[in-house]
């Protein structure tokens, strides 16, 4: 149902407006938050006030999440090789086993 509402909103023209007052500081903060999310101020306000479960990440957070995903993929690949016994005796895995054993203590 949420998806239907989003599609319906996209099809409708934005021809209504709401005017509200802000201090200069609030206005700057609003602009900064919209920019962090990569959105216009209007779209930021619509998302914050209308969507049922908005999940906004700043551009910096999105970039860091991408890096974490890349690291997770590499860890998974490495573990798959380990389980296939291809790298069981490598120096890297000796260090990993030592590190894991310290953590488990």
Protein backbone atom coordinates (compact mmCIF):
# COMPACT_ATOMS: atom_id res chain seq x y z
CA UNK A 1 0.00 0.00 0.00
CA UNK A 2 2.87 2.36 0.78
CA UNK A 3 4.32 1.63 -2.66
CA UNK A 4 0.96 2.46 -4.28
CA UNK A 5 0.86 5.78 -2.44
CA UNK A 6 4.39 6.60 -3.64
CA UNK A 7 3.46 5.84 -7.25
CA UNK A 8 0.28 7.87 -6.97
CA UNK A 9 2.22 10.82 -5.55
CA UNK A 10 4.73 10.63 -8.42
CA UNK A 11 1.93 10.77 -10.98
CA UNK A 12 0.32 13.84 -9.44
CA UNK A 13 1.65 17.30 -10.11
CA UNK A 14 3.02 19.32 -7.24
CA UNK A 15 0.69 22.27 -7.65
CA UNK A 16 -0.14 22.95 -4.00
CA UNK A 17 2.01 24.81 -1.55
CA UNK A 18 2.28 25.29 2.17
CA UNK A 19 4.04 28.29 3.60
CA UNK A 20 5.60 28.21 7.04
CA UNK A 21 8.04 30.44 8.86
CA UNK A 22 11.53 29.54 10.03
CA UNK A 23 14.34 31.35 11.70
CA UNK A 24 17.45 31.85 9.59
CA UNK A 25 19.22 29.18 11.64
CA UNK A 26 16.38 26.67 11.07
CA UNK A 27 16.38 27.43 7.36
CA UNK A 28 20.12 26.80 7.08
CA UNK A 29 19.81 23.59 9.07
CA UNK A 30 16.95 22.43 6.82
CA UNK A 31 18.99 23.16 3.69
CA UNK A 32 22.03 21.38 5.12
CA UNK A 33 20.00 18.28 6.07
CA UNK A 34 18.40 18.14 2.62
CA UNK A 35 21.81 18.43 1.00
CA UNK A 36 23.23 15.63 3.19
CA UNK A 37 20.46 13.38 1.91
CA UNK A 38 20.99 14.45 -1.69
CA UNK A 39 17.50 15.95 -1.95
CA UNK A 40 15.97 19.30 -2.72
CA UNK A 41 14.47 21.07 0.28
CA UNK A 42 10.95 20.42 -1.04
CA UNK A 43 11.56 16.71 -1.58
CA UNK A 44 13.29 16.43 1.80
CA UNK A 45 10.29 17.97 3.58
CA UNK A 46 7.86 15.75 1.67
CA UNK A 47 9.84 12.63 2.52
CA UNK A 48 10.24 13.58 6.19
CA UNK A 49 6.59 14.46 6.67
CA UNK A 50 4.66 12.06 4.41
CA UNK A 51 6.47 8.76 4.04
CA UNK A 52 5.66 6.29 6.78
CA UNK A 53 9.15 5.03 7.47
CA UNK A 54 11.79 7.32 6.00
CA UNK A 55 15.35 6.06 6.22
CA UNK A 56 17.78 8.80 5.37
CA UNK A 57 21.51 8.47 5.30
CA UNK A 58 23.89 11.27 4.59
CA UNK A 59 26.07 10.96 1.49
CA UNK A 60 29.02 10.24 3.77
CA UNK A 61 27.10 7.44 5.49
CA UNK A 62 26.04 5.98 2.12
CA UNK A 63 29.67 6.02 0.97
CA UNK A 64 30.81 4.29 4.15
CA UNK A 65 28.07 1.70 3.78
CA UNK A 66 29.28 0.97 0.24
CA UNK A 67 32.83 0.48 1.55
CA UNK A 68 31.56 -1.87 4.26
CA UNK A 69 29.69 -3.88 1.64
CA UNK A 70 32.89 -4.22 -0.41
CA UNK A 71 34.79 -5.37 2.67
CA UNK A 72 32.06 -7.88 3.51
CA UNK A 73 32.23 -9.31 -0.01
CA UNK A 74 36.00 -9.72 0.26
CA UNK A 75 35.69 -11.41 3.65
CA UNK A 76 33.10 -13.77 2.22
CA UNK A 77 35.30 -14.62 -0.77
CA UNK A 78 38.27 -15.23 1.49
CA UNK A 79 36.27 -17.48 3.80
CA UNK A 80 34.94 -19.44 0.83
CA UNK A 81 38.50 -20.07 -0.32
CA UNK A 82 39.44 -21.10 3.19
CA UNK A 83 36.57 -23.56 3.39
CA UNK A 84 37.58 -24.99 0.04
CA UNK A 85 40.97 -25.69 1.71
CA UNK A 86 42.80 -23.64 -0.89
CA UNK A 87 44.28 -21.19 1.58
CA UNK A 88 44.34 -23.21 4.76
CA UNK A 89 48.08 -22.92 5.30
CA UNK A 90 48.66 -19.38 4.10
CA UNK A 91 50.32 -16.87 6.46
CA UNK A 92 47.23 -14.69 6.26
CA UNK A 93 45.02 -17.42 7.68
CA UNK A 94 47.52 -18.17 10.41
CA UNK A 95 47.18 -14.54 11.52
CA UNK A 96 43.38 -14.70 11.21
CA UNK A 97 43.19 -17.88 13.31
CA UNK A 98 45.42 -16.32 15.96
CA UNK A 99 43.30 -13.17 16.03
CA UNK A 100 40.03 -15.12 16.23
CA UNK A 101 41.35 -17.29 19.03
CA UNK A 102 42.24 -14.15 21.02
CA UNK A 103 38.72 -12.80 20.52
CA UNK A 104 37.13 -16.06 21.63
CA UNK A 105 39.07 -16.12 24.92
